[in-house]
Each structure stands twice: as C-alpha cells, then as structure tokens.
Amino acid sequence: MLATRSAGMQSDAHGKIEDMVVAMKMVSPAGTIETRLTPKSSAGPDLDQVIVGSEGTLGVITEATMKVHPDPKVKDYHGVLFPDFESGAAAIQDAINRNISPTMFRLQDSEETSSRLA
C-alpha cells in the first residue's frame, strides 16, 4: 500500500495511506534509509512523502510506523438510489452544504450501476 500510495474508497475518515505514515525504513541500492519519528518540519522535503508512491524505484520499504485508529463501535452502511445522476449530485451537494459528512460519497451513473448488478 505504501509503495503504490494506495487510497481506498473509505479514506475520507482518516486520510490516505500517506497521511498515516509516521516513519519508514527503506533498503535501497545506496543503503538503508530511515526516516525519523519526529513532528513534521519545514526544513527540506519530507522523505516519507518521497518514498510513499515510489513503487519500488527507490528501494524496498521494509518497515513502517503508522498512525492507527480504533474501529468505530458501530458500523452502519447505507446506500441510496436516485432516479438519475443529476439528482444524486444535487443530494451530495446538499449534504456538503449542510455539513453532513459520511465517510464516503460515491455516485455512479446508470451504466456503471447496471454493470455492477450484472
């Protein structure tokens, strides 16, 4: 996940994988690179962000220290069907305007929806 800078459909709640990296260790042709367990700094590039998403071109990530979040006490999933794409887009905009923020919004058009149901 780190090497490809993965982001899942429900990454809205805690951020994408690069937002959860605290420190990493990478073995490269030039040697081992270890980033520090320190707060973010404005002094130069953030090596964690250079390594994340490098897809192995810089080396192999062998260790990672990550932020973790507890599972919610209740997981409650719901889906809503709208008569057309425009109605769904309007409902999402209305939710945003009202500060209603579920962990995920996903709006599919009728073609994508029918291919998923087939």
C-alpha atoms as a PDB file:
ATOM      1  CA  MET A   1       0.000   0.000   0.000  1.00  0.00           C
ATOM      2  CA  LEU A   2       2.793   2.435   0.806  1.00  0.00           C
ATOM      3  CA  ALA A   3       4.786   1.813  -2.345  1.00  0.00           C
ATOM      4  CA  THR A   4       1.729   2.463  -4.515  1.00  0.00           C
ATOM      5  CA  ARG A   5       0.283   5.345  -2.436  1.00  0.00           C
ATOM      6  CA  SER A   6      -2.990   3.480  -2.133  1.00  0.00           C
ATOM      7  CA  ALA A   7      -6.231   5.262  -1.367  1.00  0.00           C
ATOM      8  CA  GLY A   8      -9.387   3.311  -0.699  1.00  0.00           C
ATOM      9  CA  MET A   9     -12.970   4.351  -1.219  1.00  0.00           C
ATOM     10  CA  GLN A  10     -13.366   4.996   2.506  1.00  0.00           C
ATOM     11  CA  SER A  11     -10.199   7.025   3.015  1.00  0.00           C
ATOM     12  CA  ASP A  12     -12.248  10.141   3.816  1.00  0.00           C
ATOM     13  CA  ALA A  13     -12.429   9.292   7.518  1.00  0.00           C
ATOM     14  CA  HIS A  14      -8.709   9.057   8.376  1.00  0.00           C
ATOM     15  CA  GLY A  15      -6.971  10.101   5.204  1.00  0.00           C
ATOM     16  CA  LYS A  16      -4.991   8.249   2.599  1.00  0.00           C
ATOM     17  CA  ILE A  17      -2.055   5.964   3.350  1.00  0.00           C
ATOM     18  CA  GLU A  18       0.483   8.824   3.097  1.00  0.00           C
ATOM     19  CA  ASP A  19      -1.442  10.723   5.786  1.00  0.00           C
ATOM     20  CA  MET A  20      -0.945   7.821   8.218  1.00  0.00           C
ATOM     21  CA  VAL A  21       2.837   7.395   7.804  1.00  0.00           C
ATOM     22  CA  VAL A  22       4.885   8.355  10.855  1.00  0.00           C
ATOM     23  CA  ALA A  23       8.273   6.919   9.817  1.00  0.00           C
ATOM     24  CA  MET A  24       9.696   4.339   7.401  1.00  0.00           C
ATOM     25  CA  LYS A  25      12.718   2.210   6.691  1.00  0.00           C
ATOM     26  CA  MET A  26      13.703   1.540   3.084  1.00  0.00           C
ATOM     27  CA  VAL A  27      16.535  -0.569   1.703  1.00  0.00           C
ATOM     28  CA  SER A  28      17.948   0.953  -1.471  1.00  0.00           C
ATOM     29  CA  PRO A  29      20.984   0.341  -3.706  1.00  0.00           C
ATOM     30  CA  ALA A  30      22.658   3.238  -1.857  1.00  0.00           C
ATOM     31  CA  GLY A  31      21.988   1.714   1.569  1.00  0.00           C
ATOM     32  CA  THR A  32      19.291   1.810   4.223  1.00  0.00           C
ATOM     33  CA  ILE A  33      17.248   4.975   4.635  1.00  0.00           C
ATOM     34  CA  GLU A  34      15.333   5.536   7.877  1.00  0.00           C
ATOM     35  CA  THR A  35      13.036   8.479   8.439  1.00  0.00           C
ATOM     36  CA  ARG A  36      12.592   9.789  11.949  1.00  0.00           C
ATOM     37  CA  LEU A  37       9.739   9.588  14.439  1.00  0.00           C
ATOM     38  CA  THR A  38       9.576  13.378  14.693  1.00  0.00           C
ATOM     39  CA  PRO A  39       6.916  16.002  14.038  1.00  0.00           C
ATOM     40  CA  LYS A  40       6.633  17.443  10.553  1.00  0.00           C
ATOM     41  CA  SER A  41       9.211  20.055   9.664  1.00  0.00           C
ATOM     42  CA  SER A  42       9.534  22.820   7.091  1.00  0.00           C
ATOM     43  CA  ALA A  43      13.248  22.056   6.651  1.00  0.00           C
ATOM     44  CA  GLY A  44      13.532  20.441   3.238  1.00  0.00           C
ATOM     45  CA  PRO A  45      11.490  17.702   1.576  1.00  0.00           C
ATOM     46  CA  ASP A  46       9.596  15.141   3.619  1.00  0.00           C
ATOM     47  CA  LEU A  47      11.361  11.883   2.725  1.00  0.00           C
ATOM     48  CA  ASP A  48       8.326   9.852   3.789  1.00  0.00           C
ATOM     49  CA  GLN A  49       6.352  11.556   1.030  1.00  0.00           C
ATOM     50  CA  VAL A  50       9.124  10.908  -1.497  1.00  0.00           C
ATOM     51  CA  ILE A  51       9.258   7.203  -0.600  1.00  0.00           C
ATOM     52  CA  VAL A  52       5.476   6.679  -0.481  1.00  0.00           C
ATOM     53  CA  GLY A  53       4.288   6.099  -4.026  1.00  0.00           C
ATOM     54  CA  SER A  54       7.772   5.476  -5.430  1.00  0.00           C
ATOM     55  CA  GLU A  55       6.600   1.978  -6.476  1.00  0.00           C
ATOM     56  CA  GLY A  56       9.946   0.389  -5.691  1.00  0.00           C
ATOM     57  CA  THR A  57      12.021   2.635  -7.959  1.00  0.00           C
ATOM     58  CA  LEU A  58      13.994   3.990  -4.983  1.00  0.00           C
ATOM     59  CA  GLY A  59      14.184   0.789  -2.963  1.00  0.00           C
ATOM     60  CA  VAL A  60      12.066  -1.614  -0.923  1.00  0.00           C
ATOM     61  CA  ILE A  61      10.108  -0.410   2.100  1.00  0.00           C
ATOM     62  CA  THR A  62      10.909  -2.882   4.865  1.00  0.00           C
ATOM     63  CA  GLU A  63       9.341  -1.209   7.898  1.00  0.00           C
ATOM     64  CA  ALA A  64       6.736   1.434   8.572  1.00  0.00           C
ATOM     65  CA  THR A  65       5.452   3.110  11.693  1.00  0.00           C
ATOM     66  CA  MET A  66       1.850   4.108  11.121  1.00  0.00           C
ATOM     67  CA  LYS A  67      -0.893   6.047  12.861  1.00  0.00           C
ATOM     68  CA  VAL A  68      -3.717   3.689  13.746  1.00  0.00           C
ATOM     69  CA  HIS A  69      -7.334   4.434  14.550  1.00  0.00           C
ATOM     70  CA  PRO A  70      -9.724   2.314  16.576  1.00  0.00           C
ATOM     71  CA  ASP A  71     -12.616   0.665  14.783  1.00  0.00           C
ATOM     72  CA  PRO A  72     -15.866   2.513  15.375  1.00  0.00           C
ATOM     73  CA  LYS A  73     -18.165   0.940  17.942  1.00  0.00           C
ATOM     74  CA  VAL A  74     -20.908   0.770  15.342  1.00  0.00           C
ATOM     75  CA  LYS A  75     -20.533   0.226  11.611  1.00  0.00           C
ATOM     76  CA  ASP A  76     -23.680   1.214   9.801  1.00  0.00           C
ATOM     77  CA  TYR A  77     -23.639   1.139   5.994  1.00  0.00           C
ATOM     78  CA  HIS A  78     -26.397   2.548   3.824  1.00  0.00           C
ATOM     79  CA  GLY A  79     -26.876   3.125   0.131  1.00  0.00           C
ATOM     80  CA  VAL A  80     -29.299   5.449  -1.582  1.00  0.00           C
ATOM     81  CA  LEU A  81     -30.629   5.146  -5.126  1.00  0.00           C
ATOM     82  CA  PHE A  82     -31.625   8.245  -7.075  1.00  0.00           C
ATOM     83  CA  PRO A  83     -33.718   8.367 -10.256  1.00  0.00           C
ATOM     84  CA  ASP A  84     -30.840   9.949 -12.199  1.00  0.00           C
ATOM     85  CA  PHE A  85     -27.258  11.131 -11.873  1.00  0.00           C
ATOM     86  CA  GLU A  86     -28.212  14.794 -11.553  1.00  0.00           C
ATOM     87  CA  SER A  87     -30.487  14.103  -8.551  1.00  0.00           C
ATOM     88  CA  GLY A  88     -27.675  12.214  -6.846  1.00  0.00           C
ATOM     89  CA  ALA A  89     -25.192  15.029  -7.495  1.00  0.00           C
ATOM     90  CA  ALA A  90     -27.679  17.550  -6.076  1.00  0.00           C
ATOM     91  CA  ALA A  91     -28.178  15.407  -2.939  1.00  0.00           C
ATOM     92  CA  ILE A  92     -24.422  15.213  -2.369  1.00  0.00           C
ATOM     93  CA  GLN A  93     -24.086  18.981  -2.790  1.00  0.00           C
ATOM     94  CA  ASP A  94     -26.952  19.489  -0.322  1.00  0.00           C
ATOM     95  CA  ALA A  95     -25.280  17.192   2.222  1.00  0.00           C
ATOM     96  CA  ILE A  96     -21.999  19.102   1.874  1.00  0.00           C
ATOM     97  CA  ASN A  97     -23.806  22.432   2.296  1.00  0.00           C
ATOM     98  CA  ARG A  98     -25.433  21.108   5.496  1.00  0.00           C
ATOM     99  CA  ASN A  99     -22.097  19.766   6.853  1.00  0.00           C
ATOM    100  CA  ILE A 100     -23.334  16.186   6.651  1.00  0.00           C
ATOM    101  CA  SER A 101     -20.170  14.208   6.081  1.00  0.00           C
ATOM    102  CA  PRO A 102     -20.392  10.447   5.795  1.00  0.00           C
ATOM    103  CA  THR A 103     -17.125   8.545   5.496  1.00  0.00           C
ATOM    104  CA  MET A 104     -17.790   8.066   1.792  1.00  0.00           C
ATOM    105  CA  PHE A 105     -19.789   9.559  -1.055  1.00  0.00           C
ATOM    106  CA  ARG A 106     -19.892   7.508  -4.234  1.00  0.00           C
ATOM    107  CA  LEU A 107     -22.065   8.432  -7.177  1.00  0.00           C
ATOM    108  CA  GLN A 108     -22.322   6.065 -10.108  1.00  0.00           C
ATOM    109  CA  ASP A 109     -24.101   6.646 -13.375  1.00  0.00           C
ATOM    110  CA  SER A 110     -26.679   4.172 -14.640  1.00  0.00           C
ATOM    111  CA  GLU A 111     -24.186   2.400 -16.925  1.00  0.00           C
ATOM    112  CA  GLU A 112     -21.724   1.686 -14.109  1.00  0.00           C
ATOM    113  CA  THR A 113     -24.510   0.646 -11.756  1.00  0.00           C
ATOM    114  CA  SER A 114     -26.007  -1.807 -14.250  1.00  0.00           C
ATOM    115  CA  SER A 115     -22.602  -3.379 -14.923  1.00  0.00           C
ATOM    116  CA  ARG A 116     -22.102  -3.925 -11.174  1.00  0.00           C
ATOM    117  CA  LEU A 117     -25.505  -5.574 -10.811  1.00  0.00           C
ATOM    118  CA  ALA A 118     -24.977  -7.931 -13.746  1.00  0.00           C
END
